[in-house]
Amino acid sequence: MTSDKTLLKAAIDKATYASGGTNFYDAVMDAAFIAKDSGGANPIVLALTDGEDNSSSNSADSVIDYVKKN
């Protein structure tokens, strides 16, 4: 968790990209849980993907419902 834009940009620039399965919705749900538990007043999740979700147990609708309620 950071509010430092320079640190965030550096982390994004260093991100590695793997090929294969993409469980994007599961990752966003995990990030939403972490953001909620961070104690911040208005946490933000920035989610980047290298492809279309093809292996999540969560659906896009379930993730959207969760973040709207929390």
N, C-alpha and C. Protein backbone atom coordinates (compact mmCIF):
# COMPACT_ATOMS: atom_id res chain seq x y z
N MET A 1 0.85 -1.17 0.00
CA MET A 1 0.00 0.00 0.00
C MET A 1 0.89 1.23 0.00
N THR A 2 0.56 2.18 -0.86
CA THR A 2 1.34 3.41 -0.90
C THR A 2 0.50 4.56 -1.42
N SER A 3 0.84 5.73 -1.00
CA SER A 3 0.26 6.94 -1.58
C SER A 3 1.32 7.70 -2.37
N ASP A 4 2.51 7.10 -2.47
CA ASP A 4 3.64 7.70 -3.17
C ASP A 4 3.54 7.36 -4.66
N LYS A 5 3.20 8.35 -5.47
CA LYS A 5 3.02 8.12 -6.91
C LYS A 5 4.30 7.68 -7.60
N THR A 6 5.43 8.18 -7.17
CA THR A 6 6.71 7.79 -7.77
C THR A 6 6.99 6.32 -7.49
N LEU A 7 6.76 5.90 -6.27
CA LEU A 7 6.96 4.50 -5.90
C LEU A 7 6.00 3.59 -6.67
N LEU A 8 4.76 4.01 -6.81
CA LEU A 8 3.79 3.23 -7.57
C LEU A 8 4.21 3.09 -9.02
N LYS A 9 4.62 4.17 -9.64
CA LYS A 9 5.07 4.13 -11.04
C LYS A 9 6.26 3.19 -11.19
N ALA A 10 7.21 3.25 -10.28
CA ALA A 10 8.38 2.37 -10.34
C ALA A 10 7.96 0.91 -10.22
N ALA A 11 7.01 0.61 -9.35
CA ALA A 11 6.55 -0.77 -9.18
C ALA A 11 5.86 -1.27 -10.44
N ILE A 12 5.06 -0.43 -11.07
CA ILE A 12 4.40 -0.82 -12.32
C ILE A 12 5.43 -1.05 -13.42
N ASP A 13 6.41 -0.16 -13.50
CA ASP A 13 7.45 -0.30 -14.53
C ASP A 13 8.27 -1.58 -14.35
N LYS A 14 8.43 -2.05 -13.10
CA LYS A 14 9.21 -3.25 -12.83
C LYS A 14 8.40 -4.53 -12.92
N ALA A 15 7.10 -4.43 -13.09
CA ALA A 15 6.24 -5.62 -13.08
C ALA A 15 6.66 -6.58 -14.19
N THR A 16 6.65 -7.84 -13.86
CA THR A 16 6.96 -8.86 -14.86
C THR A 16 5.66 -9.44 -15.39
N TYR A 17 5.71 -9.88 -16.59
CA TYR A 17 4.52 -10.40 -17.25
C TYR A 17 4.75 -11.85 -17.64
N ALA A 18 3.94 -12.73 -17.08
CA ALA A 18 4.06 -14.15 -17.38
C ALA A 18 2.99 -14.54 -18.39
N SER A 19 3.25 -15.57 -19.11
CA SER A 19 2.24 -16.06 -20.05
C SER A 19 1.49 -17.22 -19.40
N GLY A 20 0.34 -17.52 -19.93
CA GLY A 20 -0.44 -18.63 -19.39
C GLY A 20 -1.76 -18.15 -18.85
N GLY A 21 -2.22 -18.81 -17.78
CA GLY A 21 -3.51 -18.51 -17.21
C GLY A 21 -3.57 -17.13 -16.57
N THR A 22 -4.74 -16.53 -16.67
CA THR A 22 -4.96 -15.22 -16.06
C THR A 22 -6.20 -15.32 -15.18
N ASN A 23 -5.99 -15.27 -13.87
CA ASN A 23 -7.13 -15.27 -12.95
C ASN A 23 -7.32 -13.84 -12.41
N PHE A 24 -7.69 -12.98 -13.32
CA PHE A 24 -7.80 -11.55 -13.04
C PHE A 24 -8.86 -11.25 -11.99
N TYR A 25 -10.04 -11.84 -12.11
CA TYR A 25 -11.12 -11.54 -11.16
C TYR A 25 -10.75 -11.99 -9.75
N ASP A 26 -10.08 -13.13 -9.61
CA ASP A 26 -9.63 -13.57 -8.29
C ASP A 26 -8.62 -12.58 -7.71
N ALA A 27 -7.72 -12.09 -8.55
CA ALA A 27 -6.71 -11.14 -8.09
C ALA A 27 -7.35 -9.82 -7.65
N VAL A 28 -8.34 -9.36 -8.40
CA VAL A 28 -9.03 -8.12 -8.03
C VAL A 28 -9.80 -8.31 -6.73
N MET A 29 -10.42 -9.48 -6.55
CA MET A 29 -11.14 -9.75 -5.31
C MET A 29 -10.17 -9.76 -4.13
N ASP A 30 -9.02 -10.42 -4.29
CA ASP A 30 -8.01 -10.43 -3.23
C ASP A 30 -7.55 -9.01 -2.90
N ALA A 31 -7.32 -8.21 -3.94
CA ALA A 31 -6.88 -6.83 -3.72
C ALA A 31 -7.96 -6.02 -3.01
N ALA A 32 -9.22 -6.28 -3.33
CA ALA A 32 -10.32 -5.57 -2.67
C ALA A 32 -10.37 -5.92 -1.18
N PHE A 33 -10.15 -7.20 -0.84
CA PHE A 33 -10.10 -7.61 0.58
C PHE A 33 -8.96 -6.88 1.29
N ILE A 34 -7.80 -6.84 0.68
CA ILE A 34 -6.63 -6.18 1.29
C ILE A 34 -6.89 -4.68 1.45
N ALA A 35 -7.46 -4.06 0.42
CA ALA A 35 -7.75 -2.63 0.49
C ALA A 35 -8.73 -2.32 1.61
N LYS A 36 -9.76 -3.15 1.73
CA LYS A 36 -10.76 -2.95 2.79
C LYS A 36 -10.12 -3.06 4.16
N ASP A 37 -9.24 -4.06 4.33
CA ASP A 37 -8.59 -4.29 5.62
C ASP A 37 -7.47 -3.30 5.92
N SER A 38 -7.10 -2.46 4.95
CA SER A 38 -6.00 -1.53 5.15
C SER A 38 -6.33 -0.42 6.15
N GLY A 39 -7.61 -0.19 6.35
CA GLY A 39 -8.02 0.86 7.27
C GLY A 39 -8.06 2.24 6.66
N GLY A 40 -7.75 2.34 5.38
CA GLY A 40 -7.80 3.64 4.71
C GLY A 40 -9.23 4.12 4.54
N ALA A 41 -9.40 5.42 4.49
CA ALA A 41 -10.73 6.00 4.37
C ALA A 41 -11.37 5.70 3.02
N ASN A 42 -10.59 5.69 1.96
CA ASN A 42 -11.11 5.46 0.62
C ASN A 42 -10.05 4.74 -0.21
N PRO A 43 -9.81 3.45 0.08
CA PRO A 43 -8.75 2.73 -0.61
C PRO A 43 -9.06 2.56 -2.09
N ILE A 44 -8.01 2.56 -2.88
CA ILE A 44 -8.13 2.41 -4.33
C ILE A 44 -7.33 1.19 -4.76
N VAL A 45 -7.91 0.41 -5.66
CA VAL A 45 -7.22 -0.74 -6.24
C VAL A 45 -6.95 -0.42 -7.70
N LEU A 46 -5.71 -0.52 -8.09
CA LEU A 46 -5.32 -0.38 -9.49
C LEU A 46 -5.00 -1.77 -10.00
N ALA A 47 -5.77 -2.24 -10.96
CA ALA A 47 -5.60 -3.60 -11.46
C ALA A 47 -5.17 -3.58 -12.92
N LEU A 48 -4.07 -4.25 -13.19
CA LEU A 48 -3.55 -4.35 -14.55
C LEU A 48 -3.53 -5.83 -14.95
N THR A 49 -3.77 -6.11 -16.20
CA THR A 49 -3.75 -7.50 -16.65
C THR A 49 -3.03 -7.61 -17.98
N ASP A 50 -2.51 -8.81 -18.22
CA ASP A 50 -1.85 -9.08 -19.50
C ASP A 50 -2.77 -9.84 -20.44
N GLY A 51 -4.00 -10.02 -20.05
CA GLY A 51 -4.92 -10.75 -20.92
C GLY A 51 -6.29 -10.90 -20.33
N GLU A 52 -7.12 -11.65 -21.00
CA GLU A 52 -8.49 -11.90 -20.58
C GLU A 52 -8.51 -12.96 -19.49
N ASP A 53 -9.38 -12.78 -18.51
CA ASP A 53 -9.49 -13.76 -17.44
C ASP A 53 -9.91 -15.10 -18.03
N ASN A 54 -9.18 -16.14 -17.65
CA ASN A 54 -9.52 -17.47 -18.15
C ASN A 54 -9.41 -18.56 -17.09
N SER A 55 -9.25 -18.17 -15.82
CA SER A 55 -9.11 -19.22 -14.81
C SER A 55 -9.56 -18.82 -13.40
N SER A 56 -10.39 -17.79 -13.27
CA SER A 56 -10.84 -17.36 -11.94
C SER A 56 -12.00 -18.20 -11.43
N SER A 57 -12.07 -18.30 -10.10
CA SER A 57 -13.25 -18.91 -9.49
C SER A 57 -14.31 -17.85 -9.23
N ASN A 58 -13.91 -16.58 -9.20
CA ASN A 58 -14.85 -15.47 -9.07
C ASN A 58 -15.25 -14.98 -10.45
N SER A 59 -16.47 -14.47 -10.54
CA SER A 59 -16.93 -13.87 -11.80
C SER A 59 -16.76 -12.36 -11.72
N ALA A 60 -16.83 -11.71 -12.85
CA ALA A 60 -16.76 -10.25 -12.87
C ALA A 60 -17.90 -9.67 -12.04
N ASP A 61 -19.09 -10.23 -12.16
CA ASP A 61 -20.24 -9.72 -11.42
C ASP A 61 -20.06 -9.86 -9.91
N SER A 62 -19.47 -10.98 -9.46
CA SER A 62 -19.29 -11.15 -8.01
C SER A 62 -18.27 -10.16 -7.46
N VAL A 63 -17.24 -9.86 -8.24
CA VAL A 63 -16.25 -8.87 -7.81
C VAL A 63 -16.88 -7.48 -7.76
N ILE A 64 -17.62 -7.14 -8.78
CA ILE A 64 -18.28 -5.83 -8.83
C ILE A 64 -19.26 -5.69 -7.66
N ASP A 65 -20.05 -6.72 -7.39
CA ASP A 65 -20.99 -6.67 -6.26
C ASP A 65 -20.26 -6.47 -4.95
N TYR A 66 -19.14 -7.20 -4.75
CA TYR A 66 -18.37 -7.07 -3.50
C TYR A 66 -17.86 -5.65 -3.31
N VAL A 67 -17.23 -5.09 -4.34
CA VAL A 67 -16.62 -3.76 -4.16
C VAL A 67 -17.68 -2.67 -4.01
N LYS A 68 -18.84 -2.86 -4.62
CA LYS A 68 -19.91 -1.87 -4.43
C LYS A 68 -20.43 -1.88 -3.00
N LYS A 69 -20.46 -3.06 -2.38
CA LYS A 69 -21.00 -3.19 -1.03
C LYS A 69 -19.97 -2.86 0.04
N ASN A 70 -18.70 -2.88 -0.33
CA ASN A 70 -17.65 -2.65 0.67
C ASN A 70 -16.84 -1.45 0.28
